[in-house]
N, C-alpha and C. Protein backbone atom coordinates (compact mmCIF):
# COMPACT_ATOMS: atom_id res chain seq x y z
N MET A 1 158.05 126.24 167.00
CA MET A 1 157.36 126.75 165.95
C MET A 1 156.54 124.98 166.43
N PHE A 2 154.65 125.29 166.08
CA PHE A 2 154.39 124.30 166.37
C PHE A 2 152.95 124.58 165.44
N SER A 3 152.17 122.72 165.36
CA SER A 3 151.37 123.47 163.38
C SER A 3 149.43 122.61 165.09
N ILE A 4 149.31 123.56 164.03
CA ILE A 4 147.43 122.84 164.43
C ILE A 4 146.27 122.38 163.47
N ARG A 5 145.89 121.74 163.07
CA ARG A 5 144.90 120.90 161.71
C ARG A 5 143.12 121.96 162.72
N GLY A 6 142.93 121.77 160.99
CA GLY A 6 141.71 121.45 161.12
C GLY A 6 141.23 121.29 159.72
N ALA A 7 139.63 121.37 160.32
CA ALA A 7 138.59 120.87 159.09
C ALA A 7 138.03 121.41 159.42
N ILE A 8 136.64 122.04 158.32
CA ILE A 8 134.59 122.13 159.16
C ILE A 8 134.54 121.99 157.49
N THR A 9 132.98 121.58 156.96
CA THR A 9 132.17 121.26 155.83
C THR A 9 131.16 122.54 156.09
N VAL A 10 131.04 122.79 154.88
CA VAL A 10 130.26 123.43 154.73
C VAL A 10 128.43 122.64 154.17
N ASP A 11 127.86 123.10 153.94
CA ASP A 11 126.52 123.25 153.50
C ASP A 11 126.14 123.64 151.88
N LYS A 12 126.92 124.43 151.47
CA LYS A 12 126.78 125.12 150.19
C LYS A 12 127.82 125.10 149.81
N ASP A 13 127.78 125.99 148.51
CA ASP A 13 129.29 126.21 147.39
C ASP A 13 129.11 127.62 147.02
N THR A 14 129.10 128.89 148.58
CA THR A 14 128.14 130.43 147.87
C THR A 14 129.90 130.39 149.24
N LYS A 15 130.22 132.37 148.32
CA LYS A 15 130.61 132.57 149.21
C LYS A 15 130.22 133.40 150.32
N GLU A 16 129.76 133.68 150.50
CA GLU A 16 128.64 133.75 152.37
C GLU A 16 129.62 131.81 152.82
N ASP A 17 128.63 131.10 153.07
CA ASP A 17 128.81 129.49 153.62
C ASP A 17 129.99 129.72 154.13
N ILE A 18 131.60 129.94 152.84
CA ILE A 18 132.81 129.27 152.91
C ILE A 18 133.20 130.82 153.66
N PHE A 19 133.25 131.50 153.75
CA PHE A 19 133.84 132.87 154.86
C PHE A 19 133.49 132.44 156.43
N GLU A 20 131.53 132.50 156.61
CA GLU A 20 131.34 132.00 157.72
C GLU A 20 131.95 130.82 158.95
N ALA A 21 132.34 129.27 157.68
CA ALA A 21 132.57 128.43 157.82
C ALA A 21 134.39 128.60 158.24
N THR A 22 133.79 129.43 157.46
CA THR A 22 136.46 129.37 158.05
C THR A 22 136.88 130.15 158.87
N LYS A 23 136.10 131.21 159.22
CA LYS A 23 135.64 132.23 160.61
C LYS A 23 134.92 131.12 161.67
N GLU A 24 134.25 130.49 161.70
CA GLU A 24 134.12 129.54 162.75
C GLU A 24 134.58 129.01 162.91
N LEU A 25 135.70 128.35 162.09
CA LEU A 25 137.08 127.57 162.33
C LEU A 25 138.25 128.09 163.34
N PHE A 26 138.53 128.87 162.32
CA PHE A 26 139.94 130.09 162.77
C PHE A 26 139.36 130.39 164.58
N LYS A 27 138.29 131.72 164.36
CA LYS A 27 137.21 130.81 165.99
C LYS A 27 137.75 130.70 166.35
N LYS A 28 137.93 128.65 166.44
CA LYS A 28 137.73 128.21 167.48
C LYS A 28 138.89 127.53 168.18
N ILE A 29 139.67 127.38 166.87
CA ILE A 29 140.93 127.42 167.16
C ILE A 29 142.01 128.51 167.21
N VAL A 30 141.59 129.67 167.52
CA VAL A 30 142.01 130.60 168.26
C VAL A 30 141.81 130.23 169.95
N GLU A 31 140.26 130.37 169.86
CA GLU A 31 140.56 130.20 171.71
C GLU A 31 140.73 128.75 172.46
N LEU A 32 140.63 128.45 171.77
CA LEU A 32 141.02 126.98 172.32
C LEU A 32 142.79 126.67 172.73
N ASN A 33 143.43 127.47 171.48
CA ASN A 33 144.82 127.15 171.63
C ASN A 33 145.72 128.10 172.54
N ASP A 34 144.08 129.06 172.76
CA ASP A 34 144.84 130.34 173.13
C ASP A 34 146.11 131.55 172.36
N LEU A 35 146.24 131.76 171.05
CA LEU A 35 147.11 131.38 170.62
C LEU A 35 147.46 133.54 170.22
N ASN A 36 147.93 133.84 170.39
CA ASN A 36 148.43 135.35 170.23
C ASN A 36 149.21 134.96 168.58
N ILE A 37 147.95 136.18 167.41
CA ILE A 37 147.34 136.57 165.84
C ILE A 37 148.86 136.51 165.32
N GLU A 38 149.91 137.11 166.59
CA GLU A 38 151.16 137.76 166.13
C GLU A 38 152.03 136.67 166.18
N ASP A 39 151.95 135.06 166.27
CA ASP A 39 152.81 134.31 166.37
C ASP A 39 152.10 133.57 165.03
N ILE A 40 150.86 133.57 164.39
CA ILE A 40 150.28 132.71 163.65
C ILE A 40 152.35 133.57 162.17
N VAL A 41 153.03 132.19 162.11
CA VAL A 41 153.69 132.14 161.02
C VAL A 41 152.98 131.97 159.40
N CYS A 42 151.51 131.06 159.27
CA CYS A 42 151.45 131.34 158.04
C CYS A 42 150.71 129.85 157.77
N ILE A 43 149.09 130.01 157.38
CA ILE A 43 148.12 129.40 157.09
C ILE A 43 147.85 128.98 155.91
N ILE A 44 147.59 127.57 155.60
CA ILE A 44 147.25 126.86 154.51
C ILE A 44 146.41 125.97 154.71
N PHE A 45 145.13 126.54 153.46
CA PHE A 45 144.42 125.94 153.24
C PHE A 45 144.20 124.68 152.16
N SER A 46 143.04 123.15 152.60
CA SER A 46 142.47 123.51 151.12
C SER A 46 141.39 123.64 151.83
N VAL A 47 140.63 123.14 150.10
CA VAL A 47 139.32 122.89 149.63
C VAL A 47 138.45 122.14 148.84
N THR A 48 137.65 121.46 149.04
CA THR A 48 137.14 119.52 148.03
C THR A 48 136.95 120.14 146.77
N LYS A 49 137.60 119.42 145.66
CA LYS A 49 136.53 119.95 144.50
C LYS A 49 135.85 121.18 144.34
N ASP A 50 134.98 120.36 144.11
CA ASP A 50 132.85 121.05 145.10
C ASP A 50 133.06 122.16 145.40
N LEU A 51 134.44 123.68 146.23
CA LEU A 51 134.34 124.30 146.18
C LEU A 51 134.81 125.26 145.45
N LYS A 52 133.69 126.16 144.77
CA LYS A 52 135.06 127.58 144.24
C LYS A 52 134.86 129.11 144.44
N SER A 53 133.20 129.35 145.49
CA SER A 53 133.38 129.96 145.12
C SER A 53 134.56 131.47 145.61
N ALA A 54 135.04 130.78 146.41
CA ALA A 54 136.15 131.54 147.57
C ALA A 54 136.33 130.88 148.35
N TYR A 55 137.62 131.81 148.33
CA TYR A 55 138.86 131.40 148.43
C TYR A 55 139.15 131.67 150.56
N PRO A 56 139.02 130.46 150.87
CA PRO A 56 139.02 131.03 152.07
C PRO A 56 138.89 131.96 153.15
N ALA A 57 141.13 132.08 153.04
CA ALA A 57 142.11 132.54 153.38
C ALA A 57 141.34 134.62 153.23
N GLU A 58 140.55 134.29 151.64
CA GLU A 58 139.98 136.32 151.54
C GLU A 58 139.28 136.27 153.19
N ALA A 59 138.32 134.96 153.33
CA ALA A 59 138.30 135.21 155.15
C ALA A 59 138.99 135.83 155.97
N ILE A 60 139.94 135.21 156.58
CA ILE A 60 141.05 135.13 157.25
C ILE A 60 141.46 136.45 157.42
N ARG A 61 141.34 137.34 156.23
CA ARG A 61 142.22 138.43 155.59
C ARG A 61 141.42 139.60 155.90
N GLN A 62 139.41 139.42 156.54
CA GLN A 62 139.17 139.98 157.07
C GLN A 62 139.04 140.00 157.90
N MET A 63 139.18 139.38 158.68
CA MET A 63 139.23 139.26 159.88
C MET A 63 140.74 139.84 160.96
N GLY A 64 141.08 140.56 159.81
CA GLY A 64 142.55 141.30 160.15
C GLY A 64 143.89 140.70 160.61
N ILE A 65 144.03 139.67 159.83
CA ILE A 65 145.29 138.90 159.86
C ILE A 65 145.68 139.39 158.28
N THR A 66 146.54 140.38 158.69
CA THR A 66 146.84 140.66 157.39
C THR A 66 149.01 140.81 157.69
N TYR A 67 149.65 139.86 157.97
CA TYR A 67 150.73 139.42 158.06
C TYR A 67 151.22 138.17 158.04
N ALA A 68 150.44 137.43 158.45
CA ALA A 68 150.53 135.62 158.02
C ALA A 68 150.65 135.18 156.60
N SER A 69 151.77 134.59 156.15
CA SER A 69 151.14 133.83 154.52
C SER A 69 149.33 133.41 154.75
N LEU A 70 149.22 133.61 153.43
CA LEU A 70 147.70 132.70 153.46
C LEU A 70 148.77 131.83 152.17
N MET A 71 147.61 130.48 151.88
CA MET A 71 148.31 130.29 150.75
C MET A 71 145.89 129.20 151.20
N CYS A 72 146.21 128.51 150.03
CA CYS A 72 144.89 127.96 149.44
C CYS A 72 145.15 126.58 148.37
N LEU A 73 144.69 125.56 149.22
CA LEU A 73 144.90 124.52 147.60
C LEU A 73 143.42 124.28 147.38
N GLN A 74 144.46 123.35 146.82
CA GLN A 74 142.91 122.36 145.78
C GLN A 74 143.04 121.07 146.62
N GLU A 75 141.79 120.60 147.86
CA GLU A 75 142.60 119.59 148.05
C GLU A 75 142.81 117.98 147.21
N MET A 76 143.32 116.33 147.45
CA MET A 76 143.36 115.47 146.16
C MET A 76 141.63 114.78 146.15
N PHE A 77 141.21 114.33 145.62
CA PHE A 77 140.47 113.91 145.33
C PHE A 77 140.29 112.72 145.66
N VAL A 78 139.88 112.06 146.25
CA VAL A 78 140.37 110.07 146.44
C VAL A 78 138.34 110.58 147.00
N GLU A 79 138.19 109.26 146.09
CA GLU A 79 136.47 108.61 145.85
C GLU A 79 136.03 108.49 147.01
N ASN A 80 135.12 108.60 146.99
CA ASN A 80 133.49 108.53 148.55
C ASN A 80 134.88 109.48 149.38
N SER A 81 135.67 110.41 149.06
CA SER A 81 135.78 111.21 150.57
C SER A 81 134.97 112.12 151.08
N LEU A 82 135.30 112.71 151.76
CA LEU A 82 134.22 113.75 152.62
C LEU A 82 133.91 115.44 151.06
N SER A 83 132.78 115.31 151.49
CA SER A 83 132.32 116.04 150.10
C SER A 83 132.73 118.06 151.02
N ARG A 84 132.80 119.11 149.83
CA ARG A 84 132.21 120.64 150.70
C ARG A 84 133.55 120.16 151.72
N CYS A 85 134.27 120.44 152.49
CA CYS A 85 135.20 120.32 152.94
C CYS A 85 136.71 121.10 152.83
N ILE A 86 136.42 122.12 154.03
CA ILE A 86 137.55 123.37 154.88
C ILE A 86 138.69 122.87 154.85
N ARG A 87 139.53 122.42 154.82
CA ARG A 87 140.83 122.02 155.68
C ARG A 87 142.41 123.38 156.31
N VAL A 88 142.10 123.02 157.14
CA VAL A 88 143.57 124.08 157.61
C VAL A 88 144.55 123.94 158.42
N LEU A 89 145.81 124.55 157.92
CA LEU A 89 147.15 123.60 158.06
C LEU A 89 147.14 125.25 159.56
N ILE A 90 147.89 125.41 160.69
CA ILE A 90 148.39 126.90 161.00
C ILE A 90 149.70 126.42 161.56
N LEU A 91 150.64 127.05 161.13
CA LEU A 91 152.06 127.06 161.35
C LEU A 91 152.54 128.26 162.85
N VAL A 92 152.62 127.92 164.12
CA VAL A 92 152.66 128.61 164.87
C VAL A 92 154.08 129.16 165.72
N ASN A 93 154.49 130.43 166.17
CA ASN A 93 155.37 130.51 166.60
C ASN A 93 155.78 130.17 167.79
N GLY A 94 156.33 129.30 169.07
CA GLY A 94 155.88 129.17 169.57
C GLY A 94 156.10 127.59 170.35
N ASP A 95 155.91 127.98 171.41
CA ASP A 95 157.05 126.32 172.18
C ASP A 95 155.82 124.60 172.32
N LYS A 96 155.14 125.26 171.79
CA LYS A 96 153.61 123.96 172.41
C LYS A 96 154.31 122.99 172.35
N LYS A 97 153.92 121.97 172.60
CA LYS A 97 154.54 120.37 172.45
C LYS A 97 153.59 119.89 171.71
N GLN A 98 152.97 118.51 170.49
CA GLN A 98 152.26 118.77 169.69
C GLN A 98 151.02 117.75 170.98
N ASN A 99 151.75 117.15 171.52
CA ASN A 99 150.31 116.38 172.42
C ASN A 99 149.41 117.68 173.67
N GLU A 100 149.91 119.20 173.17
CA GLU A 100 149.51 120.31 173.92
C GLU A 100 148.68 121.02 172.94
N VAL A 101 148.77 121.38 172.12
CA VAL A 101 147.92 121.19 170.50
C VAL A 101 146.58 120.51 170.66
N LYS A 102 145.16 121.95 170.07
CA LYS A 102 143.65 121.18 170.21
C LYS A 102 143.45 121.27 168.77
N ASN A 103 143.18 120.68 167.88
CA ASN A 103 142.53 120.72 166.72
C ASN A 103 141.66 120.41 166.89
N VAL A 104 141.07 120.91 165.58
CA VAL A 104 140.07 121.00 166.35
C VAL A 104 139.04 120.66 164.99
N TYR A 105 138.03 120.27 165.06
CA TYR A 105 137.14 119.49 163.20
C TYR A 105 136.05 119.63 163.73
N LEU A 106 135.07 120.60 162.31
CA LEU A 106 133.66 120.82 163.44
C LEU A 106 132.55 120.25 161.80
N LYS A 107 131.54 120.37 162.23
CA LYS A 107 130.15 119.51 161.45
C LYS A 107 131.28 118.60 160.99
N GLY A 108 130.84 118.23 159.89
CA GLY A 108 130.79 117.20 158.76
C GLY A 108 131.92 116.60 158.78
N ALA A 109 133.18 117.63 159.60
CA ALA A 109 134.60 116.59 159.43
C ALA A 109 134.59 116.09 160.47
N VAL A 110 134.26 115.90 162.04
CA VAL A 110 134.00 115.63 162.46
C VAL A 110 134.90 114.18 162.38
N ASN A 111 133.94 113.74 161.38
CA ASN A 111 134.10 112.31 161.45
C ASN A 111 135.79 112.00 160.52
N LEU A 112 136.30 112.92 160.18
CA LEU A 112 138.28 112.94 159.51
C LEU A 112 138.93 112.40 160.85
N ARG A 113 138.36 113.31 161.86
CA ARG A 113 139.14 112.86 163.92
C ARG A 113 138.51 113.15 165.01
N PRO A 114 137.47 113.14 165.11
CA PRO A 114 136.23 112.37 166.09
C PRO A 114 137.95 112.56 167.45
N GLU A 115 137.98 111.81 166.81
CA GLU A 115 139.37 112.18 168.58
C GLU A 115 139.95 113.75 168.86
N PHE A 116 139.97 114.42 168.07
CA PHE A 116 140.09 115.35 168.45
C PHE A 116 138.33 116.56 168.48
N SER A 117 137.82 116.02 168.37
CA SER A 117 136.39 116.09 168.22
C SER A 117 135.33 117.01 169.77
N GLU A 118 135.73 115.83 170.32
CA GLU A 118 135.33 115.66 171.45
C GLU A 118 135.58 117.16 172.08
N GLY A 119 134.60 117.72 173.03
CA GLY A 119 134.38 118.11 174.01
C GLY A 119 134.49 119.64 173.27
N ILE A 120 134.18 119.59 171.83
CA ILE A 120 133.77 121.21 171.75
C ILE A 120 132.21 121.52 171.51
């Protein structure tokens, strides 16, 4: 088993923005890591406290991810931290080494881990 991390920000707290950003992030993670959807064990989302219009997991269900366990949590609040941010942790059955995984940080979340954002 291996894990993949990622994050993306949204401009507004709307269901549409949250769904669009979640799908964009997930598609990029699947593409860059050449994932087989059936190998995904679970996906854990966290969102900052200023996002409350929708669950990111609902967007993933709309994409046909029906068997993996999904969970949404509120990110711990830290003063001066990035706002309107969706973070994800994906656990995948497979034998990739962590240094072979492509973590994905998009939009304002690039600032969280710029080393993973190059070339995306």
